[in-house]
Amino acid sequence: MGEFWPVPDVLTYLAGSWRAERSVRDLANGESGKFTGTTAFAPLEDGGLLHQESGTFTWQGVPRPAERTLRFLPGGSPGTADVRFADGRPFHDLSLTSGHHIADHPCAADLYRGEFLVLDADHWRTVWRVGGPTKDLVLTTDYARVG
């Protein structure tokens, strides 16, 4: 991966709509899947963003509708975000001031480690590595700004 693109304010950068394409690989059994859809970041009253993702997830050849909602709230320092699940539980912190960020999220006995990479003004990527007694996955999502 080449140079990262620094983002002074993550919430300003993410605001708007993005095309999302995700590959999901199960390293334990070799299965793979794909998500294609959109991710919208809409303003919240508290200065944060409501992240709503919707599209189609195909696993073992079977397409299904898929969606998720997160809340990206202003973080503890300028330009950062506190990412939370829809129900308010903490997910991870996020700072893109260097254009690159690593975040960890323990979930039961599994560990989710996310790498965030800003490629330019209109493209970014996440790579989540999920490991533990029941999961051995890599989820790579490429985002491209719409409009």
C-alpha atoms as a PDB file:
ATOM      1  CA  MET A   1       0.000   0.000   0.000  1.00  0.00           C
ATOM      2  CA  GLY A   2       1.335   3.415  -0.893  1.00  0.00           C
ATOM      3  CA  GLU A   3       0.986   6.686   0.959  1.00  0.00           C
ATOM      4  CA  PHE A   4      -2.031   7.371   3.113  1.00  0.00           C
ATOM      5  CA  TRP A   5      -4.163  10.471   2.698  1.00  0.00           C
ATOM      6  CA  PRO A   6      -4.432  12.404   6.004  1.00  0.00           C
ATOM      7  CA  VAL A   7      -7.930  13.459   7.096  1.00  0.00           C
ATOM      8  CA  PRO A   8      -8.067  16.347   9.607  1.00  0.00           C
ATOM      9  CA  ASP A   9     -11.704  15.624  10.590  1.00  0.00           C
ATOM     10  CA  VAL A  10     -13.062  12.100  10.155  1.00  0.00           C
ATOM     11  CA  LEU A  11     -16.730  13.124  10.468  1.00  0.00           C
ATOM     12  CA  THR A  12     -16.422  15.805   7.784  1.00  0.00           C
ATOM     13  CA  TYR A  13     -14.630  13.336   5.482  1.00  0.00           C
ATOM     14  CA  LEU A  14     -17.177  10.517   5.892  1.00  0.00           C
ATOM     15  CA  ALA A  15     -20.348  12.638   5.556  1.00  0.00           C
ATOM     16  CA  GLY A  16     -22.408  11.695   2.495  1.00  0.00           C
ATOM     17  CA  SER A  17     -22.945   8.500   0.502  1.00  0.00           C
ATOM     18  CA  TRP A  18     -20.468   5.818  -0.504  1.00  0.00           C
ATOM     19  CA  ARG A  19     -20.570   2.698  -2.678  1.00  0.00           C
ATOM     20  CA  ALA A  20     -19.380  -0.257  -0.595  1.00  0.00           C
ATOM     21  CA  GLU A  21     -17.919  -3.527  -1.866  1.00  0.00           C
ATOM     22  CA  ARG A  22     -16.841  -6.081   0.730  1.00  0.00           C
ATOM     23  CA  SER A  23     -15.170  -9.430   0.355  1.00  0.00           C
ATOM     24  CA  VAL A  24     -15.478 -11.898   3.222  1.00  0.00           C
ATOM     25  CA  ARG A  25     -13.065 -14.811   3.471  1.00  0.00           C
ATOM     26  CA  ASP A  26     -13.349 -17.602   6.026  1.00  0.00           C
ATOM     27  CA  LEU A  27      -9.739 -18.691   6.463  1.00  0.00           C
ATOM     28  CA  ALA A  28     -10.752 -21.829   8.375  1.00  0.00           C
ATOM     29  CA  ASN A  29     -12.761 -23.448   5.563  1.00  0.00           C
ATOM     30  CA  GLY A  30     -11.912 -21.408   2.454  1.00  0.00           C
ATOM     31  CA  GLU A  31     -15.462 -20.136   1.945  1.00  0.00           C
ATOM     32  CA  SER A  32     -15.927 -16.624   0.610  1.00  0.00           C
ATOM     33  CA  GLY A  33     -18.719 -14.141   0.188  1.00  0.00           C
ATOM     34  CA  LYS A  34     -19.367 -10.652  -1.075  1.00  0.00           C
ATOM     35  CA  PHE A  35     -21.391  -7.626   0.009  1.00  0.00           C
ATOM     36  CA  THR A  36     -22.356  -4.906  -2.470  1.00  0.00           C
ATOM     37  CA  GLY A  37     -24.351  -1.876  -1.459  1.00  0.00           C
ATOM     38  CA  THR A  38     -24.261   1.671  -0.155  1.00  0.00           C
ATOM     39  CA  THR A  39     -23.153   3.300   3.069  1.00  0.00           C
ATOM     40  CA  ALA A  40     -24.693   6.649   3.990  1.00  0.00           C
ATOM     41  CA  PHE A  41     -23.402   8.935   6.750  1.00  0.00           C
ATOM     42  CA  ALA A  42     -26.198  11.363   7.708  1.00  0.00           C
ATOM     43  CA  PRO A  43     -25.887  14.168  10.298  1.00  0.00           C
ATOM     44  CA  LEU A  44     -27.089  13.594  13.852  1.00  0.00           C
ATOM     45  CA  GLU A  45     -28.236  16.406  16.159  1.00  0.00           C
ATOM     46  CA  ASP A  46     -25.215  15.874  18.461  1.00  0.00           C
ATOM     47  CA  GLY A  47     -22.723  16.606  15.680  1.00  0.00           C
ATOM     48  CA  GLY A  48     -22.113  12.954  14.894  1.00  0.00           C
ATOM     49  CA  LEU A  49     -23.131  10.841  11.921  1.00  0.00           C
ATOM     50  CA  LEU A  50     -25.644   8.023  11.540  1.00  0.00           C
ATOM     51  CA  HIS A  51     -23.996   5.285   9.449  1.00  0.00           C
ATOM     52  CA  GLN A  52     -26.540   3.186   7.546  1.00  0.00           C
ATOM     53  CA  GLU A  53     -25.337   0.405   5.289  1.00  0.00           C
ATOM     54  CA  SER A  54     -27.633  -1.593   3.039  1.00  0.00           C
ATOM     55  CA  GLY A  55     -27.158  -3.940   0.138  1.00  0.00           C
ATOM     56  CA  THR A  56     -26.872  -7.604  -0.782  1.00  0.00           C
ATOM     57  CA  PHE A  57     -24.641 -10.163   0.899  1.00  0.00           C
ATOM     58  CA  THR A  58     -23.940 -13.313  -1.109  1.00  0.00           C
ATOM     59  CA  TRP A  59     -22.615 -16.343   0.791  1.00  0.00           C
ATOM     60  CA  GLN A  60     -22.216 -19.799  -0.749  1.00  0.00           C
ATOM     61  CA  GLY A  61     -24.018 -18.502  -3.840  1.00  0.00           C
ATOM     62  CA  VAL A  62     -27.108 -17.364  -1.938  1.00  0.00           C
ATOM     63  CA  PRO A  63     -27.855 -13.588  -2.050  1.00  0.00           C
ATOM     64  CA  ARG A  64     -29.607 -12.036   0.958  1.00  0.00           C
ATOM     65  CA  PRO A  65     -30.487  -8.458   1.909  1.00  0.00           C
ATOM     66  CA  ALA A  66     -28.072  -7.082   4.513  1.00  0.00           C
ATOM     67  CA  GLU A  67     -27.974  -3.904   6.556  1.00  0.00           C
ATOM     68  CA  ARG A  68     -26.356  -2.414   9.635  1.00  0.00           C
ATOM     69  CA  THR A  69     -26.479   0.847  11.535  1.00  0.00           C
ATOM     70  CA  LEU A  70     -23.694   2.493  13.527  1.00  0.00           C
ATOM     71  CA  ARG A  71     -23.301   5.864  15.221  1.00  0.00           C
ATOM     72  CA  PHE A  72     -20.115   7.859  14.585  1.00  0.00           C
ATOM     73  CA  LEU A  73     -19.985  10.386  17.436  1.00  0.00           C
ATOM     74  CA  PRO A  74     -17.450  13.170  18.003  1.00  0.00           C
ATOM     75  CA  GLY A  75     -14.374  11.648  19.661  1.00  0.00           C
ATOM     76  CA  GLY A  76     -12.307  12.741  22.632  1.00  0.00           C
ATOM     77  CA  SER A  77      -9.948  14.877  20.559  1.00  0.00           C
ATOM     78  CA  PRO A  78     -10.618  17.159  17.563  1.00  0.00           C
ATOM     79  CA  GLY A  79     -11.209  15.387  14.259  1.00  0.00           C
ATOM     80  CA  THR A  80     -11.728  11.922  15.784  1.00  0.00           C
ATOM     81  CA  ALA A  81     -14.803   9.717  16.207  1.00  0.00           C
ATOM     82  CA  ASP A  82     -16.220   7.381  18.827  1.00  0.00           C
ATOM     83  CA  VAL A  83     -17.940   4.604  16.861  1.00  0.00           C
ATOM     84  CA  ARG A  84     -20.867   2.891  18.541  1.00  0.00           C
ATOM     85  CA  PHE A  85     -23.356   0.200  17.655  1.00  0.00           C
ATOM     86  CA  ALA A  86     -26.958   1.284  16.983  1.00  0.00           C
ATOM     87  CA  ASP A  87     -27.904   0.439  20.594  1.00  0.00           C
ATOM     88  CA  GLY A  88     -25.143   2.700  21.963  1.00  0.00           C
ATOM     89  CA  ARG A  89     -22.601  -0.001  22.944  1.00  0.00           C
ATOM     90  CA  PRO A  90     -18.985   1.033  22.202  1.00  0.00           C
ATOM     91  CA  PHE A  91     -17.422  -0.408  19.024  1.00  0.00           C
ATOM     92  CA  HIS A  92     -14.102   1.387  18.447  1.00  0.00           C
ATOM     93  CA  ASP A  93     -12.340   4.737  18.248  1.00  0.00           C
ATOM     94  CA  LEU A  94     -11.365   6.276  14.909  1.00  0.00           C
ATOM     95  CA  SER A  95      -8.776   8.858  13.941  1.00  0.00           C
ATOM     96  CA  LEU A  96      -7.739   9.348  10.328  1.00  0.00           C
ATOM     97  CA  THR A  97      -5.409  12.302  10.920  1.00  0.00           C
ATOM     98  CA  SER A  98      -2.533  10.210   9.500  1.00  0.00           C
ATOM     99  CA  GLY A  99      -4.789   8.547   6.905  1.00  0.00           C
ATOM    100  CA  HIS A 100      -4.321   5.217   8.702  1.00  0.00           C
ATOM    101  CA  HIS A 101      -5.808   3.787  11.912  1.00  0.00           C
ATOM    102  CA  ILE A 102      -5.899   0.451  13.759  1.00  0.00           C
ATOM    103  CA  ALA A 103      -8.822  -0.314  16.098  1.00  0.00           C
ATOM    104  CA  ASP A 104      -9.548  -3.367  18.248  1.00  0.00           C
ATOM    105  CA  HIS A 105     -12.940  -4.643  19.378  1.00  0.00           C
ATOM    106  CA  PRO A 106     -13.172  -7.672  21.673  1.00  0.00           C
ATOM    107  CA  CYS A 107     -16.411  -9.614  21.094  1.00  0.00           C
ATOM    108  CA  ALA A 108     -16.943 -12.550  23.477  1.00  0.00           C
ATOM    109  CA  ALA A 109     -13.840 -14.730  22.930  1.00  0.00           C
ATOM    110  CA  ASP A 110     -13.101 -13.267  19.478  1.00  0.00           C
ATOM    111  CA  LEU A 111     -11.020 -10.209  18.634  1.00  0.00           C
ATOM    112  CA  TYR A 112     -11.925  -7.891  15.767  1.00  0.00           C
ATOM    113  CA  ARG A 113      -8.931  -5.834  14.562  1.00  0.00           C
ATOM    114  CA  GLY A 114      -9.809  -3.155  12.020  1.00  0.00           C
ATOM    115  CA  GLU A 115      -7.379  -1.309   9.785  1.00  0.00           C
ATOM    116  CA  PHE A 116      -8.658   1.909   8.204  1.00  0.00           C
ATOM    117  CA  LEU A 117      -6.845   3.321   5.156  1.00  0.00           C
ATOM    118  CA  VAL A 118      -7.697   6.596   3.411  1.00  0.00           C
ATOM    119  CA  LEU A 119      -6.576   6.365  -0.219  1.00  0.00           C
ATOM    120  CA  ASP A 120      -7.672   9.829  -1.422  1.00  0.00           C
ATOM    121  CA  ALA A 121     -10.507  12.340  -1.104  1.00  0.00           C
ATOM    122  CA  ASP A 122     -13.061   9.867  -2.471  1.00  0.00           C
ATOM    123  CA  HIS A 123     -11.763   6.372  -1.587  1.00  0.00           C
ATOM    124  CA  TRP A 124     -11.064   4.529   1.657  1.00  0.00           C
ATOM    125  CA  ARG A 125     -10.770   0.914   2.774  1.00  0.00           C
ATOM    126  CA  THR A 126     -11.290  -1.125   5.908  1.00  0.00           C
ATOM    127  CA  VAL A 127      -9.755  -4.519   6.583  1.00  0.00           C
ATOM    128  CA  TRP A 128     -11.175  -6.359   9.580  1.00  0.00           C
ATOM    129  CA  ARG A 129      -9.370  -9.471  10.792  1.00  0.00           C
ATOM    130  CA  VAL A 130     -11.567 -11.553  13.100  1.00  0.00           C
ATOM    131  CA  GLY A 131      -9.888 -14.264  15.123  1.00  0.00           C
ATOM    132  CA  GLY A 132     -10.855 -16.465  18.016  1.00  0.00           C
ATOM    133  CA  PRO A 133     -12.131 -19.905  18.907  1.00  0.00           C
ATOM    134  CA  THR A 134     -15.125 -19.700  16.564  1.00  0.00           C
ATOM    135  CA  LYS A 135     -14.007 -17.270  13.832  1.00  0.00           C
ATOM    136  CA  ASP A 136     -11.101 -16.866  11.435  1.00  0.00           C
ATOM    137  CA  LEU A 137     -12.226 -14.219   8.943  1.00  0.00           C
ATOM    138  CA  VAL A 138     -10.906 -11.370   6.827  1.00  0.00           C
ATOM    139  CA  LEU A 139     -13.414  -8.709   5.707  1.00  0.00           C
ATOM    140  CA  THR A 140     -12.109  -6.128   3.224  1.00  0.00           C
ATOM    141  CA  THR A 141     -14.369  -3.231   2.237  1.00  0.00           C
ATOM    142  CA  ASP A 142     -13.620  -0.645  -0.429  1.00  0.00           C
ATOM    143  CA  TYR A 143     -15.605   2.604  -0.320  1.00  0.00           C
ATOM    144  CA  ALA A 144     -15.998   5.085  -3.185  1.00  0.00           C
ATOM    145  CA  ARG A 145     -17.786   8.405  -2.717  1.00  0.00           C
ATOM    146  CA  VAL A 146     -21.075   8.773  -4.630  1.00  0.00           C
ATOM    147  CA  GLY A 147     -21.638  12.060  -6.458  1.00  0.00           C
END
